[in-house]
Amino acid sequence: MTSFPDREAGSQVAPFILARWSPRAFIPDDITQKELLTILDAGRWAPSAYNAQPWRFIYARRGTPDWDRLLSWLIPFNRGWAENASALVYIASRTVTDSASTGEPIEAPSHAFDAGAASVLIQLQANQNGWHTHPVSGFNKELAHAGLELPEDHVVHAAIIIGHRGATSQLAENLQEREKPSARLPLTTLASEGRFIPPAPVV
């Protein structure tokens, strides 16, 4: 696991959380089926409303027949650096769940929230196993939905790029300066007690 001791120095947040970040420079090496499934298995343990587990993980590994097809749905900007990665995982979820009383499909309001929780666990597990991840939303969602052969009651949310870090120099110059862990807004901006408090205006 990569660590960044100077990131938010003094934070009480667990180091394995602070160690997660989203690089774009990857080494074009392979990941085995077993390695990838071990990472995805972490997502299986995410919490979900009524334990419905609406998430689905559809993946392709570098060098396999599905790799170029799943990669092709990314927007050109993302495809330009993701093509060097080892795996690409689309995160989807079922928008309905089966009623406990009637067995008929009913709306699942938290399906996206639940899929997001699974996605985070996948990213943390990847980092623990020595891999890096970069989640993206920049892809053609209609092509991905059709190409993944998802049912109509499923939606695809994001793609997670997985690989080993490569040299920053392989990126375009405008991306090289961004190839480092990013900061976050202060907690005082994000958390408030009892009611929403708008952030202070910038002066």
C-alpha atoms as a PDB file:
ATOM      1  CA  MET A   1       0.000   0.000   0.000  1.00  0.00           C
ATOM      2  CA  THR A   2       1.278   3.451  -0.928  1.00  0.00           C
ATOM      3  CA  SER A   3       1.321   5.931   1.936  1.00  0.00           C
ATOM      4  CA  PHE A   4       1.466   9.721   2.047  1.00  0.00           C
ATOM      5  CA  PRO A   5       2.605  10.737   5.550  1.00  0.00           C
ATOM      6  CA  ASP A   6       2.343  14.439   4.742  1.00  0.00           C
ATOM      7  CA  ARG A   7      -1.213  14.288   3.422  1.00  0.00           C
ATOM      8  CA  GLU A   8      -3.404  15.972   6.033  1.00  0.00           C
ATOM      9  CA  ALA A   9      -0.648  15.684   8.608  1.00  0.00           C
ATOM     10  CA  GLY A  10      -2.013  15.024  12.082  1.00  0.00           C
ATOM     11  CA  SER A  11      -5.320  13.662  10.797  1.00  0.00           C
ATOM     12  CA  GLN A  12      -6.991  10.954  12.848  1.00  0.00           C
ATOM     13  CA  VAL A  13      -8.433   9.398   9.680  1.00  0.00           C
ATOM     14  CA  ALA A  14      -7.202   5.841   9.079  1.00  0.00           C
ATOM     15  CA  PRO A  15      -4.025   5.816   6.949  1.00  0.00           C
ATOM     16  CA  PHE A  16      -5.500   3.356   4.439  1.00  0.00           C
ATOM     17  CA  ILE A  17      -8.146   5.972   3.614  1.00  0.00           C
ATOM     18  CA  LEU A  18      -5.662   8.829   3.264  1.00  0.00           C
ATOM     19  CA  ALA A  19      -3.509   6.600   1.042  1.00  0.00           C
ATOM     20  CA  ARG A  20      -6.219   6.309  -1.605  1.00  0.00           C
ATOM     21  CA  TRP A  21      -5.926   8.710  -4.524  1.00  0.00           C
ATOM     22  CA  SER A  22      -6.581   8.692  -8.262  1.00  0.00           C
ATOM     23  CA  PRO A  23      -3.516   8.690 -10.539  1.00  0.00           C
ATOM     24  CA  ARG A  24      -3.648   8.667 -14.328  1.00  0.00           C
ATOM     25  CA  ALA A  25      -0.181   7.305 -15.098  1.00  0.00           C
ATOM     26  CA  PHE A  26      -0.299   3.514 -15.248  1.00  0.00           C
ATOM     27  CA  ILE A  27       2.053   0.708 -16.274  1.00  0.00           C
ATOM     28  CA  PRO A  28       0.584  -1.481 -19.040  1.00  0.00           C
ATOM     29  CA  ASP A  29       0.934  -4.756 -17.147  1.00  0.00           C
ATOM     30  CA  ASP A  30      -1.525  -7.578 -16.557  1.00  0.00           C
ATOM     31  CA  ILE A  31      -3.737  -8.407 -13.604  1.00  0.00           C
ATOM     32  CA  THR A  32      -4.825 -11.990 -13.069  1.00  0.00           C
ATOM     33  CA  GLN A  33      -8.454 -13.002 -12.802  1.00  0.00           C
ATOM     34  CA  LYS A  34      -7.857 -14.043  -9.200  1.00  0.00           C
ATOM     35  CA  GLU A  35      -6.265 -10.700  -8.272  1.00  0.00           C
ATOM     36  CA  LEU A  36      -9.108  -8.713  -9.782  1.00  0.00           C
ATOM     37  CA  LEU A  37     -11.858 -10.845  -8.270  1.00  0.00           C
ATOM     38  CA  THR A  38     -10.232 -10.494  -4.847  1.00  0.00           C
ATOM     39  CA  ILE A  39     -10.504  -6.724  -5.226  1.00  0.00           C
ATOM     40  CA  LEU A  40     -14.103  -6.857  -6.460  1.00  0.00           C
ATOM     41  CA  ASP A  41     -15.063  -9.175  -3.630  1.00  0.00           C
ATOM     42  CA  ALA A  42     -14.593  -6.269  -1.221  1.00  0.00           C
ATOM     43  CA  GLY A  43     -17.472  -4.462  -2.939  1.00  0.00           C
ATOM     44  CA  ARG A  44     -19.725  -7.395  -2.182  1.00  0.00           C
ATOM     45  CA  TRP A  45     -19.532  -6.524   1.518  1.00  0.00           C
ATOM     46  CA  ALA A  46     -20.887  -2.995   1.238  1.00  0.00           C
ATOM     47  CA  PRO A  47     -24.059  -2.078   3.142  1.00  0.00           C
ATOM     48  CA  SER A  48     -27.291  -1.700   1.184  1.00  0.00           C
ATOM     49  CA  ALA A  49     -30.930  -0.947   1.942  1.00  0.00           C
ATOM     50  CA  TYR A  50     -32.720  -4.154   2.983  1.00  0.00           C
ATOM     51  CA  ASN A  51     -29.522  -5.974   1.998  1.00  0.00           C
ATOM     52  CA  ALA A  52     -30.752  -5.821  -1.604  1.00  0.00           C
ATOM     53  CA  GLN A  53     -27.176  -5.598  -2.948  1.00  0.00           C
ATOM     54  CA  PRO A  54     -28.210  -3.788  -6.158  1.00  0.00           C
ATOM     55  CA  TRP A  55     -24.651  -3.339  -7.459  1.00  0.00           C
ATOM     56  CA  ARG A  56     -23.136  -5.168 -10.389  1.00  0.00           C
ATOM     57  CA  PHE A  57     -19.480  -5.101 -11.452  1.00  0.00           C
ATOM     58  CA  ILE A  58     -18.771  -5.753 -15.147  1.00  0.00           C
ATOM     59  CA  TYR A  59     -15.092  -5.857 -15.970  1.00  0.00           C
ATOM     60  CA  ALA A  60     -12.432  -6.447 -18.587  1.00  0.00           C
ATOM     61  CA  ARG A  61      -8.772  -7.195 -18.066  1.00  0.00           C
ATOM     62  CA  ARG A  62      -5.962  -5.967 -20.249  1.00  0.00           C
ATOM     63  CA  GLY A  63      -5.154  -8.409 -23.034  1.00  0.00           C
ATOM     64  CA  THR A  64      -8.536 -10.157 -22.948  1.00  0.00           C
ATOM     65  CA  PRO A  65     -11.128 -10.103 -25.775  1.00  0.00           C
ATOM     66  CA  ASP A  66     -13.407  -7.579 -23.998  1.00  0.00           C
ATOM     67  CA  TRP A  67     -10.704  -5.033 -23.138  1.00  0.00           C
ATOM     68  CA  ASP A  68     -10.827  -2.823 -26.239  1.00  0.00           C
ATOM     69  CA  ARG A  69     -14.618  -2.895 -26.358  1.00  0.00           C
ATOM     70  CA  LEU A  70     -15.121  -1.706 -22.782  1.00  0.00           C
ATOM     71  CA  LEU A  71     -12.298   0.823 -23.170  1.00  0.00           C
ATOM     72  CA  SER A  72     -13.869   2.282 -26.328  1.00  0.00           C
ATOM     73  CA  TRP A  73     -16.827   3.749 -24.409  1.00  0.00           C
ATOM     74  CA  LEU A  74     -14.601   6.110 -22.417  1.00  0.00           C
ATOM     75  CA  ILE A  75     -14.378   9.673 -23.660  1.00  0.00           C
ATOM     76  CA  PRO A  76     -11.106  10.290 -25.574  1.00  0.00           C
ATOM     77  CA  PHE A  77      -9.532  12.198 -22.667  1.00  0.00           C
ATOM     78  CA  ASN A  78      -9.992   9.275 -20.284  1.00  0.00           C
ATOM     79  CA  ARG A  79      -9.227   6.602 -22.863  1.00  0.00           C
ATOM     80  CA  GLY A  80      -5.893   8.261 -23.608  1.00  0.00           C
ATOM     81  CA  TRP A  81      -4.463   7.377 -20.191  1.00  0.00           C
ATOM     82  CA  ALA A  82      -6.731   4.480 -19.162  1.00  0.00           C
ATOM     83  CA  GLU A  83      -5.525   2.349 -22.070  1.00  0.00           C
ATOM     84  CA  ASN A  84      -2.308   1.754 -20.096  1.00  0.00           C
ATOM     85  CA  ALA A  85      -4.158   0.324 -17.083  1.00  0.00           C
ATOM     86  CA  SER A  86      -4.652  -3.334 -16.147  1.00  0.00           C
ATOM     87  CA  ALA A  87      -8.414  -3.525 -15.674  1.00  0.00           C
ATOM     88  CA  LEU A  88     -11.573  -1.547 -16.244  1.00  0.00           C
ATOM     89  CA  VAL A  89     -14.656  -2.130 -14.078  1.00  0.00           C
ATOM     90  CA  TYR A  90     -18.066  -0.625 -14.795  1.00  0.00           C
ATOM     91  CA  ILE A  91     -20.247  -0.084 -11.714  1.00  0.00           C
ATOM     92  CA  ALA A  92     -23.967  -0.536 -12.318  1.00  0.00           C
ATOM     93  CA  SER A  93     -26.992  -1.021 -10.112  1.00  0.00           C
ATOM     94  CA  ARG A  94     -30.564  -2.234 -10.316  1.00  0.00           C
ATOM     95  CA  THR A  95     -33.017   0.649  -9.964  1.00  0.00           C
ATOM     96  CA  VAL A  96     -35.807  -1.519  -8.539  1.00  0.00           C
ATOM     97  CA  THR A  97     -36.048  -4.232  -5.920  1.00  0.00           C
ATOM     98  CA  ASP A  98     -38.532  -7.040  -5.417  1.00  0.00           C
ATOM     99  CA  SER A  99     -41.289  -6.302  -2.927  1.00  0.00           C
ATOM    100  CA  ALA A 100     -41.144  -8.547   0.129  1.00  0.00           C
ATOM    101  CA  SER A 101     -44.953  -8.755   0.200  1.00  0.00           C
ATOM    102  CA  THR A 102     -45.851  -9.124  -3.493  1.00  0.00           C
ATOM    103  CA  GLY A 103     -42.607 -10.072  -5.184  1.00  0.00           C
ATOM    104  CA  GLU A 104     -43.248  -7.343  -7.741  1.00  0.00           C
ATOM    105  CA  PRO A 105     -40.541  -4.813  -8.638  1.00  0.00           C
ATOM    106  CA  ILE A 106     -40.724  -1.555  -6.697  1.00  0.00           C
ATOM    107  CA  GLU A 107     -38.514   1.539  -6.800  1.00  0.00           C
ATOM    108  CA  ALA A 108     -35.169   1.236  -5.013  1.00  0.00           C
ATOM    109  CA  PRO A 109     -34.409   4.862  -4.027  1.00  0.00           C
ATOM    110  CA  SER A 110     -30.958   4.113  -2.579  1.00  0.00           C
ATOM    111  CA  HIS A 111     -29.553   1.953  -5.391  1.00  0.00           C
ATOM    112  CA  ALA A 112     -27.013   4.587  -6.495  1.00  0.00           C
ATOM    113  CA  PHE A 113     -25.958   5.311  -2.903  1.00  0.00           C
ATOM    114  CA  ASP A 114     -25.468   1.593  -2.294  1.00  0.00           C
ATOM    115  CA  ALA A 115     -23.459   1.132  -5.500  1.00  0.00           C
ATOM    116  CA  GLY A 116     -21.263   4.060  -4.474  1.00  0.00           C
ATOM    117  CA  ALA A 117     -20.524   2.373  -1.154  1.00  0.00           C
ATOM    118  CA  ALA A 118     -19.501  -0.797  -2.985  1.00  0.00           C
ATOM    119  CA  SER A 119     -17.300   1.236  -5.310  1.00  0.00           C
ATOM    120  CA  VAL A 120     -15.411   2.805  -2.414  1.00  0.00           C
ATOM    121  CA  LEU A 121     -14.697  -0.579  -0.838  1.00  0.00           C
ATOM    122  CA  ILE A 122     -13.350  -1.845  -4.155  1.00  0.00           C
ATOM    123  CA  GLN A 123     -10.996   1.134  -4.393  1.00  0.00           C
ATOM    124  CA  LEU A 124      -9.776   0.747  -0.823  1.00  0.00           C
ATOM    125  CA  GLN A 125      -9.184  -2.988  -1.262  1.00  0.00           C
ATOM    126  CA  ALA A 126      -7.264  -2.367  -4.487  1.00  0.00           C
ATOM    127  CA  ASN A 127      -4.993   0.065  -2.696  1.00  0.00           C
ATOM    128  CA  GLN A 128      -4.453  -2.388   0.147  1.00  0.00           C
ATOM    129  CA  ASN A 129      -3.409  -4.981  -2.448  1.00  0.00           C
ATOM    130  CA  GLY A 130      -0.837  -2.698  -4.056  1.00  0.00           C
ATOM    131  CA  TRP A 131      -2.939  -1.387  -6.954  1.00  0.00           C
ATOM    132  CA  HIS A 132      -4.184   2.099  -7.752  1.00  0.00           C
ATOM    133  CA  THR A 133      -7.630   3.098  -8.958  1.00  0.00           C
ATOM    134  CA  HIS A 134      -9.157   6.051 -10.731  1.00  0.00           C
ATOM    135  CA  PRO A 135     -12.967   6.248 -10.898  1.00  0.00           C
ATOM    136  CA  VAL A 136     -14.398   8.138 -13.879  1.00  0.00           C
ATOM    137  CA  SER A 137     -17.822   9.218 -15.073  1.00  0.00           C
ATOM    138  CA  GLY A 138     -16.599  10.317 -18.495  1.00  0.00           C
ATOM    139  CA  PHE A 139     -17.920   7.631 -20.822  1.00  0.00           C
ATOM    140  CA  ASN A 140     -20.827   7.141 -23.214  1.00  0.00           C
ATOM    141  CA  LYS A 141     -23.505   5.785 -20.904  1.00  0.00           C
ATOM    142  CA  GLU A 142     -25.852   4.687 -23.687  1.00  0.00           C
ATOM    143  CA  LEU A 143     -23.137   2.697 -25.447  1.00  0.00           C
ATOM    144  CA  ALA A 144     -21.980   1.206 -22.167  1.00  0.00           C
ATOM    145  CA  HIS A 145     -25.493   0.202 -21.148  1.00  0.00           C
ATOM    146  CA  ALA A 146     -26.103  -1.495 -24.485  1.00  0.00           C
ATOM    147  CA  GLY A 147     -22.630  -3.000 -24.770  1.00  0.00           C
ATOM    148  CA  LEU A 148     -22.753  -4.450 -21.261  1.00  0.00           C
ATOM    149  CA  GLU A 149     -26.173  -5.923 -22.117  1.00  0.00           C
ATOM    150  CA  LEU A 150     -27.690  -4.449 -18.976  1.00  0.00           C
ATOM    151  CA  PRO A 151     -31.428  -4.929 -18.430  1.00  0.00           C
ATOM    152  CA  GLU A 152     -33.644  -1.855 -18.696  1.00  0.00           C
ATOM    153  CA  ASP A 153     -34.016  -1.676 -14.919  1.00  0.00           C
ATOM    154  CA  HIS A 154     -30.256  -1.230 -14.447  1.00  0.00           C
ATOM    155  CA  VAL A 155     -28.141   1.910 -14.769  1.00  0.00           C
ATOM    156  CA  VAL A 156     -24.383   2.255 -15.162  1.00  0.00           C
ATOM    157  CA  HIS A 157     -22.835   4.886 -12.891  1.00  0.00           C
ATOM    158  CA  ALA A 158     -19.069   4.938 -13.280  1.00  0.00           C
ATOM    159  CA  ALA A 159     -15.998   3.087 -14.392  1.00  0.00           C
ATOM    160  CA  ILE A 160     -13.040   2.282 -12.155  1.00  0.00           C
ATOM    161  CA  ILE A 161      -9.630   2.133 -13.814  1.00  0.00           C
ATOM    162  CA  ILE A 162      -7.222  -0.220 -12.005  1.00  0.00           C
ATOM    163  CA  GLY A 163      -3.474  -0.560 -12.481  1.00  0.00           C
ATOM    164  CA  HIS A 164       0.024  -0.104 -11.130  1.00  0.00           C
ATOM    165  CA  ARG A 165       1.398   3.425 -11.124  1.00  0.00           C
ATOM    166  CA  GLY A 166       3.551   4.476 -14.025  1.00  0.00           C
ATOM    167  CA  ALA A 167       5.929   7.370 -14.538  1.00  0.00           C
ATOM    168  CA  THR A 168       4.383  10.816 -14.351  1.00  0.00           C
ATOM    169  CA  SER A 169       6.446  11.800 -17.389  1.00  0.00           C
ATOM    170  CA  GLN A 170       4.298   9.607 -19.639  1.00  0.00           C
ATOM    171  CA  LEU A 171       1.369  11.993 -19.184  1.00  0.00           C
ATOM    172  CA  ALA A 172       0.701  15.166 -21.132  1.00  0.00           C
ATOM    173  CA  GLU A 173       2.398  18.162 -19.576  1.00  0.00           C
ATOM    174  CA  ASN A 174      -0.869  19.683 -18.322  1.00  0.00           C
ATOM    175  CA  LEU A 175      -1.631  16.461 -16.411  1.00  0.00           C
ATOM    176  CA  GLN A 176       1.805  15.945 -14.889  1.00  0.00           C
ATOM    177  CA  GLU A 177       1.334  18.712 -12.317  1.00  0.00           C
ATOM    178  CA  ARG A 178      -1.964  17.117 -11.259  1.00  0.00           C
ATOM    179  CA  GLU A 179      -0.452  13.661 -10.721  1.00  0.00           C
ATOM    180  CA  LYS A 180      -0.455  13.783  -6.935  1.00  0.00           C
ATOM    181  CA  PRO A 181      -2.949  13.296  -4.098  1.00  0.00           C
ATOM    182  CA  SER A 182      -5.405  16.171  -3.992  1.00  0.00           C
ATOM    183  CA  ALA A 183      -6.545  18.134  -0.960  1.00  0.00           C
ATOM    184  CA  ARG A 184     -10.067  18.234   0.429  1.00  0.00           C
ATOM    185  CA  LEU A 185     -12.344  20.979   1.701  1.00  0.00           C
ATOM    186  CA  PRO A 186     -12.101  21.487   5.459  1.00  0.00           C
ATOM    187  CA  LEU A 187     -14.541  19.495   7.565  1.00  0.00           C
ATOM    188  CA  THR A 188     -16.013  22.746   8.880  1.00  0.00           C
ATOM    189  CA  THR A 189     -17.284  23.422   5.344  1.00  0.00           C
ATOM    190  CA  LEU A 190     -18.778  19.951   4.938  1.00  0.00           C
ATOM    191  CA  ALA A 191     -20.228  19.097   8.350  1.00  0.00           C
ATOM    192  CA  SER A 192     -22.654  21.113  10.470  1.00  0.00           C
ATOM    193  CA  GLU A 193     -24.730  20.270  13.503  1.00  0.00           C
ATOM    194  CA  GLY A 194     -28.508  20.305  13.365  1.00  0.00           C
ATOM    195  CA  ARG A 195     -29.006  22.125  10.056  1.00  0.00           C
ATOM    196  CA  PHE A 196     -27.296  22.994   6.786  1.00  0.00           C
ATOM    197  CA  ILE A 197     -24.978  25.956   7.023  1.00  0.00           C
ATOM    198  CA  PRO A 198     -23.957  27.515   3.689  1.00  0.00           C
ATOM    199  CA  PRO A 199     -20.220  27.974   3.214  1.00  0.00           C
ATOM    200  CA  ALA A 200     -18.868  31.436   3.900  1.00  0.00           C
ATOM    201  CA  PRO A 201     -18.575  33.580   0.759  1.00  0.00           C
ATOM    202  CA  VAL A 202     -15.127  33.935  -0.737  1.00  0.00           C
ATOM    203  CA  VAL A 203     -13.796  37.469  -0.312  1.00  0.00           C
END
